[in-house]
Amino acid sequence: MRSRQRAEEAERAAQHAADTAAALRADRDRLREALDVLPHGVIVRDADGAEVLRNRKAASPTGDLHADVLVAREVEQLLADPAARHRTVELHGPPRRSLELTITPLVAGGIVVLIEDATERRRLDLMRRDFVDNVSHELRTPIGALRVLVEALEEEADPVVVRRLIERIGGEVDRAQVLVEDLLDLSRIERTTERPHEEVDVAEMVAAAVARATAVSGRPVDTSIPPLRVHGDFDQLVSAVANLIDNAVKYSDSPIEVSAAAHDGMVDVVVRDRGVGIPAKDLDRVFERFYRVDRARDRKTGGSGLGLSIVRHVALNHGGDVLVSSVEGEGSTFTLRVKA
């Protein structure tokens, strides 16, 4: 009787141990699965330095074998320094990457190493700093000029000179106003997260853009727009095409050509000039905020340096893109491509 009871107790204990082991394995598997979906690499080591766990991202932080070897070496060097808790790893690529390695001690003993890809965060931080610096610089120029012109005006009695100074003051005010309006325009467009659904007549939109862009310059613009419609934001599209025309006017003395065509569910609005063109080294950067190919010319024409950045954001808001092709001395062609 007792032997049978002991056997039953042993069987129950064995079953309990098996159930407990199965539950622990299930918990471990869930933990591993949860760690594998994290965007950061995680390495766990026990108090003796033995590796307990390494998630999928930690096994290949960059997806490139050579770069992963470099990161693994940096992790080991960080672990070898008892006083170290953090290290930044710069991978020159291509593509260029920036990784943050952080060690956190565990209360029960051991450590956790966190591998975080900080590339995008650093890029955004740099863009933010550059943006603030550029805005400050661009506003400082007309404000400084206004101060000098007002001081000169206070001491001037000649009506001819006074009139000339007032005209220059007006020009600097206009420059500051263009910058502020473009900043507000860009901010409004960037905040748009949903694609608009208004039906837009392309010919009507281009006509409005031409009128807006040439209101001051009076430059001729040749248009060839077939009957086309797109779904989008009329004002945004007018702003984008007007900025492309305005850019062409600044860099060309010949007539500007604007055309449109549909293909594969997209509509292309093409703005072509036969002006000075864009150097090949600048083609990849012309859509950056405040980037200027010719700063001296932009100072004369009063550009804010935001026009092409506005065009790019409008294109993205409409499920499309903006393309550029150019040859120095022969002219440039910009294509605003949006979904029909």
Protein backbone atom coordinates (compact mmCIF):
# COMPACT_ATOMS: atom_id res chain seq x y z
CA MET A 1 0.00 0.00 0.00
CA ARG A 2 2.70 2.42 1.01
CA SER A 3 4.79 1.57 -2.00
CA ARG A 4 1.83 2.32 -4.25
CA GLN A 5 1.29 5.69 -2.50
CA ARG A 6 4.94 6.54 -2.86
CA ALA A 7 4.77 5.60 -6.52
CA GLU A 8 1.72 7.80 -7.02
CA GLU A 9 3.36 10.69 -5.17
CA ALA A 10 6.50 10.26 -7.24
CA GLU A 11 4.39 10.21 -10.41
CA ARG A 12 2.55 13.37 -9.36
CA ALA A 13 5.87 15.05 -8.45
CA ALA A 14 7.32 14.04 -11.79
CA GLN A 15 4.24 15.34 -13.60
CA HIS A 16 4.40 18.59 -11.63
CA ALA A 17 8.10 18.95 -12.46
CA ALA A 18 7.34 18.25 -16.14
CA ASP A 19 4.50 20.80 -16.15
CA THR A 20 6.72 23.36 -14.43
CA ALA A 21 9.52 22.74 -16.92
CA ALA A 22 7.08 23.04 -19.83
CA ALA A 23 5.72 26.32 -18.40
CA LEU A 24 9.25 27.66 -17.97
CA ARG A 25 10.13 26.68 -21.55
CA ALA A 26 6.96 28.40 -22.79
CA ASP A 27 7.82 31.54 -20.79
CA ARG A 28 11.37 31.45 -22.13
CA ASP A 29 10.11 31.04 -25.70
CA ARG A 30 7.68 33.94 -25.27
CA LEU A 31 10.48 36.08 -23.83
CA ARG A 32 12.77 35.22 -26.74
CA GLU A 33 10.00 35.95 -29.24
CA ALA A 34 9.25 39.28 -27.55
CA LEU A 35 12.94 40.24 -27.56
CA ASP A 36 13.28 39.24 -31.22
CA VAL A 37 10.64 41.74 -32.32
CA LEU A 38 12.38 44.64 -30.55
CA PRO A 39 14.05 47.20 -32.86
CA HIS A 40 17.13 47.20 -30.58
CA GLY A 41 19.75 44.53 -30.02
CA VAL A 42 19.73 42.92 -26.55
CA ILE A 43 22.50 40.77 -25.05
CA VAL A 44 22.17 39.30 -21.54
CA ARG A 45 25.18 37.95 -19.61
CA ASP A 46 25.22 36.35 -16.18
CA ALA A 47 27.38 37.31 -13.21
CA ASP A 48 30.24 35.14 -14.54
CA GLY A 49 30.17 36.85 -17.93
CA ALA A 50 28.59 33.93 -19.78
CA GLU A 51 26.07 34.86 -22.43
CA VAL A 52 22.52 33.90 -21.47
CA LEU A 53 20.55 35.43 -24.31
CA ARG A 54 21.03 37.34 -27.56
CA ASN A 55 18.04 38.51 -29.59
CA ARG A 56 17.80 38.54 -33.38
CA LYS A 57 18.75 42.22 -33.73
CA ALA A 58 21.86 41.74 -31.59
CA ALA A 59 22.90 38.80 -33.77
CA SER A 60 22.97 41.11 -36.79
CA PRO A 61 22.67 44.79 -35.77
CA THR A 62 23.23 46.19 -39.27
CA GLY A 63 22.43 43.35 -41.65
CA ASP A 64 25.92 43.64 -43.13
CA LEU A 65 28.45 40.95 -42.18
CA HIS A 66 31.50 43.23 -42.16
CA ALA A 67 29.73 45.95 -40.13
CA ASP A 68 28.32 43.36 -37.72
CA VAL A 69 31.86 42.12 -37.02
CA LEU A 70 32.94 45.68 -36.19
CA VAL A 71 29.96 46.13 -33.85
CA ALA A 72 30.70 42.81 -32.10
CA ARG A 73 34.28 43.91 -31.53
CA GLU A 74 33.10 47.23 -30.06
CA VAL A 75 30.72 45.34 -27.73
CA GLU A 76 33.58 43.16 -26.44
CA GLN A 77 35.80 46.20 -25.91
CA LEU A 78 33.01 47.91 -23.98
CA LEU A 79 32.50 44.83 -21.81
CA ALA A 80 36.23 44.62 -21.14
CA ASP A 81 36.22 48.07 -19.52
CA PRO A 82 34.77 47.78 -15.98
CA ALA A 83 34.12 51.52 -15.75
CA ALA A 84 32.47 51.90 -19.16
CA ARG A 85 28.71 52.11 -19.52
CA HIS A 86 28.26 53.65 -22.97
CA ARG A 87 29.94 53.79 -26.37
CA THR A 88 29.04 55.27 -29.75
CA VAL A 89 30.00 53.32 -32.86
CA GLU A 90 30.26 55.22 -36.15
CA LEU A 91 30.13 53.05 -39.27
CA HIS A 92 31.17 54.98 -42.35
CA GLY A 93 29.36 52.61 -44.71
CA PRO A 94 27.92 53.09 -47.17
CA PRO A 95 25.39 53.64 -45.81
CA ARG A 96 26.70 55.65 -42.91
CA ARG A 97 25.36 54.34 -39.58
CA SER A 98 25.55 55.40 -35.94
CA LEU A 99 24.98 52.86 -33.15
CA GLU A 100 24.72 53.43 -29.39
CA LEU A 101 25.96 50.66 -27.05
CA THR A 102 24.77 50.82 -23.43
CA ILE A 103 25.50 48.49 -20.48
CA THR A 104 22.97 48.20 -17.62
CA PRO A 105 23.81 46.07 -14.52
CA LEU A 106 21.13 43.69 -13.23
CA VAL A 107 20.22 43.62 -9.53
CA ALA A 108 20.40 39.81 -9.42
CA GLY A 109 23.83 39.87 -11.07
CA GLY A 110 24.87 40.06 -14.67
CA ILE A 111 24.36 42.76 -17.25
CA VAL A 112 22.25 43.75 -20.25
CA VAL A 113 23.88 45.24 -23.35
CA LEU A 114 21.55 47.38 -25.46
CA ILE A 115 22.47 48.04 -29.12
CA GLU A 116 20.47 50.92 -30.56
CA ASP A 117 20.62 52.20 -34.15
CA ALA A 118 20.71 55.98 -33.63
CA THR A 119 21.25 56.86 -37.30
CA GLU A 120 17.79 58.33 -37.93
CA ARG A 121 17.68 60.18 -34.60
CA ARG A 122 21.07 61.75 -35.24
CA ARG A 123 20.03 62.69 -38.78
CA LEU A 124 16.88 64.38 -37.48
CA ASP A 125 18.82 66.16 -34.74
CA LEU A 126 21.30 67.44 -37.33
CA MET A 127 18.46 68.57 -39.62
CA ARG A 128 16.82 70.38 -36.71
CA ARG A 129 20.03 72.16 -35.77
CA ASP A 130 20.74 73.06 -39.39
CA PHE A 131 17.19 74.31 -39.82
CA VAL A 132 17.39 76.61 -36.80
CA ASP A 133 20.83 77.85 -37.85
CA ASN A 134 19.67 78.52 -41.40
CA VAL A 135 16.49 80.31 -40.36
CA SER A 136 18.50 82.47 -37.97
CA HIS A 137 21.02 83.28 -40.69
CA GLU A 138 18.40 83.98 -43.37
CA LEU A 139 16.43 86.31 -41.08
CA ARG A 140 19.55 88.01 -39.77
CA THR A 141 20.50 89.17 -43.28
CA PRO A 142 17.40 91.31 -44.05
CA ILE A 143 17.06 92.46 -40.43
CA GLY A 144 20.67 93.61 -40.38
CA ALA A 145 20.21 95.37 -43.72
CA LEU A 146 17.04 97.07 -42.44
CA ARG A 147 18.89 98.40 -39.42
CA VAL A 148 21.63 99.92 -41.59
CA LEU A 149 19.14 101.37 -44.09
CA VAL A 150 16.96 102.93 -41.35
CA GLU A 151 20.03 104.54 -39.74
CA ALA A 152 21.06 105.92 -43.12
CA LEU A 153 17.53 107.20 -43.75
CA GLU A 154 17.45 109.08 -40.44
CA GLU A 155 20.50 111.12 -41.45
CA GLU A 156 19.57 111.69 -45.11
CA ALA A 157 17.92 114.86 -46.43
CA ASP A 158 18.29 114.39 -50.21
CA PRO A 159 14.83 113.32 -51.54
CA VAL A 160 16.40 111.19 -54.29
CA VAL A 161 18.56 109.27 -51.85
CA VAL A 162 15.65 108.97 -49.40
CA ARG A 163 13.50 107.42 -52.14
CA ARG A 164 16.28 104.99 -53.03
CA LEU A 165 16.73 103.98 -49.39
CA ILE A 166 12.98 103.44 -48.99
CA GLU A 167 12.96 101.19 -52.07
CA ARG A 168 15.79 99.12 -50.63
CA ILE A 169 13.98 98.88 -47.28
CA GLY A 170 10.93 97.61 -49.15
CA GLY A 171 13.07 95.01 -50.88
CA GLU A 172 14.49 93.71 -47.59
CA VAL A 173 11.00 93.57 -46.07
CA ASP A 174 9.84 91.57 -49.10
CA ARG A 175 12.76 89.17 -48.67
CA ALA A 176 11.89 88.56 -45.01
CA GLN A 177 8.22 88.16 -45.90
CA VAL A 178 9.01 85.55 -48.57
CA LEU A 179 11.05 83.57 -46.05
CA VAL A 180 8.34 83.67 -43.38
CA GLU A 181 5.60 82.74 -45.86
CA ASP A 182 7.65 79.85 -47.23
CA LEU A 183 8.36 78.62 -43.69
CA LEU A 184 4.65 78.68 -42.88
CA ASP A 185 3.83 77.00 -46.19
CA LEU A 186 6.39 74.25 -45.60
CA SER A 187 5.21 73.72 -42.01
CA ARG A 188 1.59 73.41 -43.14
CA ILE A 189 2.47 70.93 -45.89
CA GLU A 190 4.64 68.83 -43.57
CA ARG A 191 1.80 68.55 -41.05
CA THR A 192 -0.46 67.01 -43.68
CA THR A 193 -0.52 63.26 -43.05
CA GLU A 194 -3.52 62.19 -45.16
CA ARG A 195 -3.66 62.40 -48.92
CA PRO A 196 -6.35 64.93 -49.99
CA HIS A 197 -9.19 63.72 -52.25
CA GLU A 198 -10.32 66.86 -54.05
CA GLU A 199 -10.52 66.47 -57.82
CA VAL A 200 -8.07 68.91 -59.41
CA ASP A 201 -8.09 70.05 -63.03
CA VAL A 202 -4.39 70.02 -64.01
CA ALA A 203 -4.72 72.81 -66.61
CA GLU A 204 -6.49 75.06 -64.11
CA MET A 205 -3.89 74.27 -61.44
CA VAL A 206 -0.98 75.02 -63.78
CA ALA A 207 -2.59 78.29 -64.91
CA ALA A 208 -2.90 79.39 -61.28
CA ALA A 209 0.72 78.41 -60.63
CA VAL A 210 1.95 80.36 -63.68
CA ALA A 211 -0.01 83.45 -62.60
CA ARG A 212 1.43 83.23 -59.10
CA ALA A 213 5.03 82.64 -60.17
CA THR A 214 5.15 85.34 -62.85
CA ALA A 215 3.15 88.05 -61.07
CA VAL A 216 6.34 90.01 -60.38
CA SER A 217 8.75 88.87 -63.09
CA GLY A 218 6.27 88.97 -65.98
CA ARG A 219 8.35 86.31 -67.72
CA PRO A 220 6.64 84.32 -70.50
CA VAL A 221 5.75 80.71 -69.75
CA ASP A 222 4.73 78.34 -72.55
CA THR A 223 2.20 75.75 -71.38
CA SER A 224 0.98 72.57 -73.04
CA ILE A 225 -1.53 70.84 -70.76
CA PRO A 226 -3.94 68.19 -72.08
CA PRO A 227 -7.24 67.49 -70.28
CA LEU A 228 -6.06 65.75 -67.10
CA ARG A 229 -7.33 65.42 -63.56
CA VAL A 230 -5.71 64.30 -60.32
CA HIS A 231 -6.99 63.83 -56.79
CA GLY A 232 -5.19 66.10 -54.40
CA ASP A 233 -4.92 69.45 -52.67
CA PHE A 234 -5.31 72.27 -55.22
CA ASP A 235 -3.41 74.85 -53.15
CA GLN A 236 -0.51 72.50 -52.42
CA LEU A 237 -0.15 71.56 -56.09
CA VAL A 238 -0.28 75.22 -57.15
CA SER A 239 2.43 75.99 -54.58
CA ALA A 240 4.66 73.16 -55.86
CA VAL A 241 4.37 74.03 -59.57
CA ALA A 242 4.72 77.77 -58.84
CA ASN A 243 7.95 77.07 -56.94
CA LEU A 244 9.29 75.04 -59.88
CA ILE A 245 8.43 77.87 -62.32
CA ASP A 246 9.90 80.48 -59.96
CA ASN A 247 13.08 78.44 -59.72
CA ALA A 248 13.29 78.21 -63.52
CA VAL A 249 12.74 81.96 -63.89
CA LYS A 250 15.64 82.69 -61.55
CA TYR A 251 18.10 80.54 -63.48
CA SER A 252 17.05 81.12 -67.07
CA ASP A 253 16.60 84.14 -69.35
CA SER A 254 14.70 82.15 -72.00
CA PRO A 255 10.96 81.23 -71.93
CA ILE A 256 9.94 78.50 -69.50
CA GLU A 257 8.03 75.46 -70.75
CA VAL A 258 5.41 73.65 -68.66
CA SER A 259 3.82 70.45 -69.92
CA ALA A 260 1.88 67.52 -68.49
CA ALA A 261 1.29 63.88 -69.37
CA ALA A 262 -0.34 60.81 -67.82
CA HIS A 263 1.15 57.31 -67.59
CA ASP A 264 0.73 54.21 -65.40
CA GLY A 265 -1.75 55.86 -63.03
CA MET A 266 0.49 58.90 -62.51
CA VAL A 267 0.47 62.45 -63.86
CA ASP A 268 3.73 64.25 -64.59
CA VAL A 269 3.91 68.05 -64.59
CA VAL A 270 7.19 68.99 -66.26
CA VAL A 271 8.89 72.38 -65.93
CA ARG A 272 11.77 72.89 -68.35
CA ASP A 273 14.19 75.79 -68.74
CA ARG A 274 17.22 76.44 -70.92
CA GLY A 275 19.23 78.28 -68.31
CA VAL A 276 22.51 77.81 -66.49
CA GLY A 277 21.76 74.25 -65.37
CA ILE A 278 22.80 72.50 -62.18
CA PRO A 279 26.24 70.95 -61.53
CA ALA A 280 26.11 67.16 -61.20
CA LYS A 281 27.51 67.35 -57.64
CA ASP A 282 24.49 69.39 -56.52
CA LEU A 283 21.69 67.33 -58.08
CA ASP A 284 21.24 65.09 -55.03
CA ARG A 285 20.96 68.04 -52.65
CA VAL A 286 18.80 70.63 -54.43
CA PHE A 287 15.68 69.50 -52.52
CA GLU A 288 17.25 70.08 -49.10
CA ARG A 289 16.03 73.02 -47.05
CA PHE A 290 18.07 76.17 -47.65
CA TYR A 291 20.47 74.39 -50.02
CA ARG A 292 21.56 76.76 -52.76
CA VAL A 293 23.59 75.99 -55.86
CA ASP A 294 24.48 79.66 -56.37
CA ARG A 295 24.17 81.73 -53.20
CA ALA A 296 25.24 84.95 -54.90
CA ARG A 297 22.46 84.63 -57.49
CA ASP A 298 19.89 83.78 -54.83
CA ARG A 299 20.80 86.88 -52.87
CA LYS A 300 19.98 88.94 -55.97
CA THR A 301 16.73 87.14 -56.75
CA GLY A 302 15.52 86.98 -53.14
CA GLY A 303 14.89 83.24 -52.89
CA SER A 304 14.21 81.71 -49.48
CA GLY A 305 15.97 78.42 -50.25
CA LEU A 306 12.80 76.49 -49.32
CA GLY A 307 11.00 76.28 -52.66
CA LEU A 308 12.26 72.91 -53.85
CA SER A 309 11.86 71.43 -50.37
CA ILE A 310 8.20 72.47 -50.52
CA VAL A 311 7.89 70.75 -53.91
CA ARG A 312 9.30 67.51 -52.52
CA HIS A 313 6.88 67.44 -49.58
CA VAL A 314 3.89 68.17 -51.83
CA ALA A 315 4.93 65.28 -54.08
CA LEU A 316 5.18 62.91 -51.09
CA ASN A 317 1.79 64.07 -49.80
CA HIS A 318 0.30 63.11 -53.18
CA GLY A 319 1.86 59.66 -53.37
CA GLY A 320 4.47 60.72 -55.88
CA ASP A 321 7.95 62.13 -56.28
CA VAL A 322 9.90 64.99 -57.81
CA LEU A 323 12.68 64.31 -60.30
CA VAL A 324 15.38 66.49 -61.79
CA SER A 325 17.70 66.20 -64.75
CA SER A 326 20.13 68.93 -65.74
CA VAL A 327 23.18 69.75 -67.81
CA GLU A 328 25.33 72.73 -66.93
CA GLY A 329 24.96 75.47 -69.50
CA GLU A 330 21.97 73.80 -71.18
CA GLY A 331 19.18 73.98 -68.62
CA SER A 332 17.16 71.88 -66.18
CA THR A 333 14.00 69.78 -66.22
CA PHE A 334 11.96 69.22 -63.05
CA THR A 335 9.15 66.68 -63.00
CA LEU A 336 6.43 66.74 -60.35
CA ARG A 337 4.91 63.26 -60.37
CA VAL A 338 1.64 62.65 -58.51
CA LYS A 339 -0.99 59.91 -58.45
CA ALA A 340 -3.92 60.46 -60.78
